[in-house]
Amino acid sequence: MYRLHIANKNYSSWSLRPWVLMRQLEIPFEECLTPFDPGTSWATFRSFSPSGLVPCLEDGARPIWDSLAIIEYLAERHAGVWPADDDARAWARCASSEMHAGFSALRGQCAMNCGVRMRLHEVSPKLARDLARLDELWHQGLERFGGPFLAGKAFTAVDAFFAPVAFRVQTFGLELSEPSLAYAERLLALPAMRQWYTEALAEPWREADHEAELHRSGTVLEDRREVTEESPPQAD
């Protein structure tokens, strides 16, 4: 059986991508969660990931690191990872690669934190441009391939790549068109996404760098995460 190494579900958008795809497509795997260390996790993650980053998939003694590489590795072995239609598959790969390499302002200003609700200090011009492109891309996929998912009727890898954005939309109340907001809600309603969210809220860990990044971006309006002795509530 595969072993999928991930980090905190509350923070790790990169981990979510292969995790949600494998759950939705019912590809069996063993989850191995290693929380982020204070400051850096590189040395810890190097014990299982050649890059020192998550996610990392183990197939026996073979490690496959980087979320896009993991998706392509799974696509060679399992049906349904990419759309069957040539046109939809080509578009899905392009959109996934764009998400994988781009949207830097969205990543930087709206870091994934499933358990809180935020008000941004500002929507920078670069973030506004990323949101406009995101809206355009989602519209294109939904209209061109008929929905309800980006490349057609079935959930595929391209939806997995944008799954972390659905959590960002929820956390930051990002303004998108109604079709895009409805798509984000469909993603959030998936059984695998609900499981990830529930488990993210229950995590006891608070990693200082991720929390500081959040507070630089905006004001916390609500924190829905479970309060533990290890992680007292933070006041704004």
Protein backbone atom coordinates (compact mmCIF):
# COMPACT_ATOMS: atom_id res chain seq x y z
CA MET A 1 0.00 0.00 0.00
CA TYR A 2 1.10 3.58 -0.66
CA ARG A 3 2.27 5.74 2.23
CA LEU A 4 1.54 9.45 1.90
CA HIS A 5 3.60 11.80 4.05
CA ILE A 6 1.87 15.07 4.84
CA ALA A 7 2.11 17.90 7.37
CA ASN A 8 -0.52 19.75 9.42
CA LYS A 9 -3.91 19.64 7.74
CA ASN A 10 -4.69 23.11 9.00
CA TYR A 11 -1.79 24.67 7.07
CA SER A 12 -0.41 22.33 4.39
CA SER A 13 -2.08 23.15 1.09
CA TRP A 14 0.51 21.12 -0.84
CA SER A 15 -0.28 18.02 1.23
CA LEU A 16 -4.00 18.40 0.57
CA ARG A 17 -3.71 17.94 -3.19
CA PRO A 18 -2.70 14.26 -3.45
CA TRP A 19 -4.54 13.42 -0.22
CA VAL A 20 -7.93 14.63 -1.45
CA LEU A 21 -7.43 13.09 -4.88
CA MET A 22 -6.60 9.68 -3.45
CA ARG A 23 -9.50 9.84 -1.00
CA GLN A 24 -12.02 10.91 -3.66
CA LEU A 25 -10.82 8.27 -6.15
CA GLU A 26 -10.67 5.64 -3.38
CA ILE A 27 -6.99 4.88 -3.94
CA PRO A 28 -5.87 3.15 -0.73
CA PHE A 29 -2.98 4.66 1.21
CA GLU A 30 -1.57 4.97 4.69
CA GLU A 31 -1.46 8.53 5.99
CA CYS A 32 1.75 9.58 7.74
CA LEU A 33 1.39 13.04 9.30
CA THR A 34 4.47 14.85 10.63
CA PRO A 35 3.73 18.29 12.14
CA PHE A 36 5.76 21.31 11.11
CA ASP A 37 8.69 22.05 13.41
CA PRO A 38 9.20 25.54 14.82
CA GLY A 39 11.28 27.55 12.37
CA THR A 40 12.03 24.85 9.82
CA SER A 41 10.99 21.28 9.16
CA TRP A 42 13.62 20.53 6.54
CA ALA A 43 15.78 18.21 8.64
CA THR A 44 12.76 16.32 9.98
CA PHE A 45 11.12 15.92 6.59
CA ARG A 46 14.40 14.80 5.02
CA SER A 47 14.01 11.52 6.91
CA PHE A 48 11.31 10.53 4.41
CA SER A 49 11.39 13.13 1.60
CA PRO A 50 14.47 13.72 -0.59
CA SER A 51 13.55 17.39 -0.98
CA GLY A 52 12.82 17.92 2.71
CA LEU A 53 9.31 19.00 1.75
CA VAL A 54 5.81 17.53 1.87
CA PRO A 55 3.95 15.82 0.38
CA CYS A 56 5.94 12.72 -0.38
CA LEU A 57 4.45 9.44 -1.58
CA GLU A 58 6.17 6.14 -0.86
CA ASP A 59 5.46 3.20 -3.13
CA GLY A 60 7.40 0.47 -1.40
CA ALA A 61 10.99 1.70 -1.24
CA ARG A 62 10.40 4.31 -3.98
CA PRO A 63 9.80 7.93 -2.88
CA ILE A 64 7.88 10.28 -5.16
CA TRP A 65 8.08 13.89 -4.00
CA ASP A 66 6.34 17.08 -5.16
CA SER A 67 2.56 17.18 -5.53
CA LEU A 68 2.58 17.36 -9.34
CA ALA A 69 4.99 14.43 -9.64
CA ILE A 70 2.81 12.41 -7.26
CA ILE A 71 -0.29 13.12 -9.36
CA GLU A 72 1.43 12.05 -12.56
CA TYR A 73 2.79 8.91 -10.88
CA LEU A 74 -0.71 7.97 -9.75
CA ALA A 75 -2.12 8.74 -13.22
CA GLU A 76 0.13 6.06 -14.69
CA ARG A 77 -1.34 3.49 -12.32
CA HIS A 78 -4.98 4.47 -11.69
CA ALA A 79 -7.89 5.44 -13.90
CA GLY A 80 -9.68 8.74 -13.40
CA VAL A 81 -6.78 10.88 -12.21
CA TRP A 82 -6.96 13.00 -15.37
CA PRO A 83 -10.04 13.35 -17.63
CA ALA A 84 -10.42 10.69 -20.33
CA ASP A 85 -11.23 13.26 -23.02
CA ASP A 86 -8.10 14.57 -24.79
CA ASP A 87 -9.21 18.21 -24.85
CA ALA A 88 -10.31 18.21 -21.22
CA ARG A 89 -7.12 16.42 -20.17
CA ALA A 90 -4.89 18.92 -21.95
CA TRP A 91 -6.73 21.85 -20.38
CA ALA A 92 -6.68 20.23 -16.93
CA ARG A 93 -2.93 19.69 -17.10
CA CYS A 94 -2.33 23.31 -18.13
CA ALA A 95 -4.58 24.68 -15.37
CA SER A 96 -2.96 22.42 -12.77
CA SER A 97 0.53 23.48 -13.82
CA GLU A 98 -0.49 27.14 -13.65
CA MET A 99 -1.75 26.64 -10.11
CA HIS A 100 1.36 24.67 -9.19
CA ALA A 101 3.76 27.37 -10.37
CA GLY A 102 1.74 30.57 -10.17
CA PHE A 103 -0.72 32.58 -8.07
CA SER A 104 2.11 33.77 -5.80
CA ALA A 105 0.15 36.71 -4.36
CA LEU A 106 -2.78 34.45 -3.48
CA ARG A 107 -0.41 32.05 -1.73
CA GLY A 108 1.51 34.79 0.04
CA GLN A 109 -1.33 36.99 1.20
CA CYS A 110 -3.88 34.22 1.81
CA ALA A 111 -1.98 31.33 3.34
CA MET A 112 -4.10 28.26 4.02
CA ASN A 113 -5.44 28.11 7.55
CA CYS A 114 -8.62 26.03 7.59
CA GLY A 115 -9.72 26.80 11.12
CA VAL A 116 -10.01 30.59 11.12
CA ARG A 117 -12.07 33.29 9.46
CA MET A 118 -10.16 36.41 8.45
CA ARG A 119 -10.59 39.95 7.21
CA LEU A 120 -7.70 40.98 4.98
CA HIS A 121 -5.92 44.24 5.71
CA GLU A 122 -6.00 44.94 1.99
CA VAL A 123 -6.43 43.32 -1.39
CA SER A 124 -3.18 44.24 -3.10
CA PRO A 125 -3.10 44.84 -6.87
CA LYS A 126 -1.21 41.56 -7.32
CA LEU A 127 -3.78 39.65 -5.29
CA ALA A 128 -6.61 41.29 -7.25
CA ARG A 129 -4.92 40.15 -10.46
CA ASP A 130 -4.59 36.60 -9.14
CA LEU A 131 -8.26 36.52 -8.14
CA ALA A 132 -9.32 37.80 -11.56
CA ARG A 133 -7.26 35.11 -13.26
CA LEU A 134 -8.62 32.45 -10.90
CA ASP A 135 -12.18 33.53 -11.71
CA GLU A 136 -11.41 33.48 -15.43
CA LEU A 137 -9.84 30.03 -15.26
CA TRP A 138 -12.65 28.49 -13.24
CA HIS A 139 -15.26 30.01 -15.56
CA GLN A 140 -13.44 28.64 -18.58
CA GLY A 141 -13.32 25.09 -17.24
CA LEU A 142 -16.90 25.02 -15.96
CA GLU A 143 -18.37 26.48 -19.15
CA ARG A 144 -16.19 24.58 -21.61
CA PHE A 145 -16.61 21.13 -20.08
CA GLY A 146 -20.06 21.48 -18.55
CA GLY A 147 -19.28 21.09 -14.84
CA PRO A 148 -19.95 20.48 -12.05
CA PHE A 149 -16.15 20.07 -11.80
CA LEU A 150 -13.50 21.98 -13.72
CA ALA A 151 -12.94 19.38 -16.45
CA GLY A 152 -16.39 17.82 -16.59
CA LYS A 153 -18.66 15.59 -14.54
CA ALA A 154 -15.99 13.86 -12.47
CA PHE A 155 -13.59 15.12 -9.82
CA THR A 156 -10.06 14.85 -11.24
CA ALA A 157 -6.54 16.08 -10.51
CA VAL A 158 -7.27 19.64 -11.63
CA ASP A 159 -9.92 19.94 -8.91
CA ALA A 160 -7.44 18.55 -6.38
CA PHE A 161 -4.96 21.25 -7.34
CA PHE A 162 -7.53 23.96 -6.63
CA ALA A 163 -8.95 22.32 -3.49
CA PRO A 164 -6.71 24.43 -1.19
CA VAL A 165 -8.07 27.57 -2.86
CA ALA A 166 -11.58 26.58 -1.75
CA PHE A 167 -10.36 26.69 1.85
CA ARG A 168 -8.75 30.09 1.20
CA VAL A 169 -12.04 31.41 -0.21
CA GLN A 170 -13.76 30.25 2.97
CA THR A 171 -11.11 31.59 5.35
CA PHE A 172 -10.66 35.03 3.80
CA GLY A 173 -14.11 35.60 2.29
CA LEU A 174 -12.52 36.17 -1.11
CA GLU A 175 -14.72 37.94 -3.62
CA LEU A 176 -15.35 35.90 -6.76
CA SER A 177 -18.23 35.55 -9.19
CA GLU A 178 -21.24 33.45 -8.22
CA PRO A 179 -20.27 30.48 -10.45
CA SER A 180 -16.80 30.41 -8.90
CA LEU A 181 -18.15 30.68 -5.36
CA ALA A 182 -20.58 27.86 -6.10
CA TYR A 183 -17.71 25.72 -7.38
CA ALA A 184 -15.70 26.40 -4.22
CA GLU A 185 -18.72 25.35 -2.15
CA ARG A 186 -18.99 22.10 -4.13
CA LEU A 187 -15.37 21.34 -3.35
CA LEU A 188 -15.84 22.09 0.34
CA ALA A 189 -18.87 19.77 0.44
CA LEU A 190 -16.97 16.73 -0.85
CA PRO A 191 -16.67 13.93 1.73
CA ALA A 192 -12.87 13.99 1.58
CA MET A 193 -12.76 17.77 2.02
CA ARG A 194 -15.14 17.58 4.99
CA GLN A 195 -12.92 14.92 6.56
CA TRP A 196 -9.77 17.03 6.04
CA TYR A 197 -11.49 20.09 7.53
CA THR A 198 -12.78 18.23 10.59
CA GLU A 199 -9.36 16.76 11.29
CA ALA A 200 -7.67 20.14 10.73
CA LEU A 201 -9.87 21.73 13.39
CA ALA A 202 -8.99 18.98 15.85
CA GLU A 203 -5.19 19.33 15.50
CA PRO A 204 -3.49 20.46 18.73
CA TRP A 205 -0.52 22.15 17.07
CA ARG A 206 0.03 25.85 16.45
CA GLU A 207 3.14 26.59 14.39
CA ALA A 208 4.46 30.07 15.11
CA ASP A 209 5.63 31.01 11.60
CA HIS A 210 2.32 30.02 10.00
CA GLU A 211 0.37 31.89 12.67
CA ALA A 212 2.51 35.00 12.26
CA GLU A 213 2.04 34.88 8.49
CA LEU A 214 -1.69 34.85 9.03
CA HIS A 215 -1.65 37.88 11.32
CA ARG A 216 0.45 39.86 8.85
CA SER A 217 -2.27 39.42 6.26
CA GLY A 218 -5.30 40.42 8.23
CA THR A 219 -7.45 40.31 11.36
CA VAL A 220 -8.74 37.06 12.82
CA LEU A 221 -12.51 37.32 13.14
CA GLU A 222 -13.11 33.79 14.42
CA ASP A 223 -10.97 30.80 15.36
CA ARG A 224 -12.89 27.53 15.09
CA ARG A 225 -10.00 25.27 16.06
CA GLU A 226 -10.19 23.21 19.21
CA VAL A 227 -8.47 24.90 22.14
CA THR A 228 -5.90 22.79 23.96
CA GLU A 229 -3.49 23.42 26.81
CA GLU A 230 -0.71 23.34 24.20
CA SER A 231 -2.37 26.01 22.08
CA PRO A 232 -4.16 28.74 24.08
CA PRO A 233 -6.46 31.10 22.21
CA GLN A 234 -4.79 34.08 20.58
CA ALA A 235 -6.33 37.51 20.94
CA ASP A 236 -6.13 40.19 18.29
